[in-house]
Amino acid sequence: MTSRIGLITLAHTIQVLDLSKTIDQHFPASGSNCALKASTFINTLVLSQYEGGECLNDIVHIAKDKALMSCH
């Protein structure tokens, strides 16, 4: 069990809706081979804001949650 159980539900919904594919179709790929895909950035930002995050540094809590990362 994780304290971020709501995030697992949201991450699963994003996956079932194939939202990543839709996002990547509407946002062009960056010319850099080091850049994140648009879907990775947006999905992470959505999860962070859902959890109450206020800045991009708040995603550290998401990355450390093993249960959430196994879902994604």
Protein backbone atom coordinates (compact mmCIF):
# COMPACT_ATOMS: atom_id res chain seq x y z
CA MET A 1 0.00 0.00 0.00
CA THR A 2 1.20 3.50 -0.74
CA SER A 3 0.17 6.93 0.49
CA ARG A 4 -0.16 7.93 -3.14
CA ILE A 5 -2.87 5.40 -4.02
CA GLY A 6 -4.83 8.07 -5.88
CA LEU A 7 -1.85 8.63 -8.15
CA ILE A 8 -1.81 4.96 -9.10
CA THR A 9 -5.44 5.23 -10.17
CA LEU A 10 -4.71 8.38 -12.18
CA ALA A 11 -1.61 6.81 -13.79
CA HIS A 12 -3.65 3.76 -14.74
CA THR A 13 -6.35 5.97 -16.27
CA ILE A 14 -3.71 7.83 -18.30
CA GLN A 15 -2.41 4.45 -19.51
CA VAL A 16 -5.86 3.03 -20.38
CA LEU A 17 -6.81 6.16 -22.32
CA ASP A 18 -3.49 5.93 -24.20
CA LEU A 19 -3.05 9.59 -23.37
CA SER A 20 0.71 9.44 -23.97
CA LYS A 21 0.17 8.55 -27.62
CA THR A 22 -2.30 11.41 -28.08
CA ILE A 23 0.02 13.92 -26.42
CA ASP A 24 3.00 12.82 -28.50
CA GLN A 25 0.94 13.13 -31.69
CA HIS A 26 0.03 16.75 -30.91
CA PHE A 27 3.42 17.93 -29.65
CA PRO A 28 6.35 17.62 -32.04
CA ALA A 29 9.42 15.75 -30.91
CA SER A 30 12.33 17.84 -29.75
CA GLY A 31 15.41 17.94 -31.93
CA SER A 32 17.54 16.93 -28.96
CA ASN A 33 18.26 13.30 -28.19
CA CYS A 34 18.46 14.23 -24.48
CA ALA A 35 14.97 15.75 -24.23
CA LEU A 36 12.02 14.05 -22.58
CA LYS A 37 9.06 13.10 -24.71
CA ALA A 38 6.17 15.55 -24.32
CA SER A 39 3.97 12.81 -22.85
CA THR A 40 6.53 11.98 -20.15
CA PHE A 41 6.79 15.62 -19.13
CA ILE A 42 3.03 16.31 -19.18
CA ASN A 43 1.98 13.08 -17.46
CA THR A 44 4.54 13.62 -14.71
CA LEU A 45 3.41 17.21 -14.27
CA VAL A 46 -0.25 16.12 -14.04
CA LEU A 47 0.59 13.49 -11.41
CA SER A 48 2.64 15.99 -9.45
CA GLN A 49 -0.12 18.60 -9.46
CA TYR A 50 -2.72 16.00 -8.50
CA GLU A 51 -0.59 15.20 -5.48
CA GLY A 52 -0.36 18.88 -4.58
CA GLY A 53 3.05 19.64 -6.02
CA GLU A 54 3.86 23.25 -6.69
CA CYS A 55 7.00 22.99 -8.81
CA LEU A 56 8.88 20.47 -10.93
CA ASN A 57 11.16 19.60 -8.02
CA ASP A 58 8.15 17.99 -6.34
CA ILE A 59 8.29 15.07 -8.79
CA VAL A 60 11.06 13.54 -6.68
CA HIS A 61 8.35 12.12 -4.39
CA ILE A 62 6.67 10.45 -7.36
CA ALA A 63 9.93 8.97 -8.65
CA LYS A 64 10.69 7.43 -5.25
CA ASP A 65 7.30 5.67 -5.00
CA LYS A 66 8.04 2.08 -6.12
CA ALA A 67 4.38 1.08 -6.41
CA LEU A 68 3.57 4.02 -8.66
CA MET A 69 6.63 3.45 -10.84
CA SER A 70 5.71 -0.22 -11.31
CA CYS A 71 2.29 0.86 -12.59
CA HIS A 72 3.75 3.21 -15.14
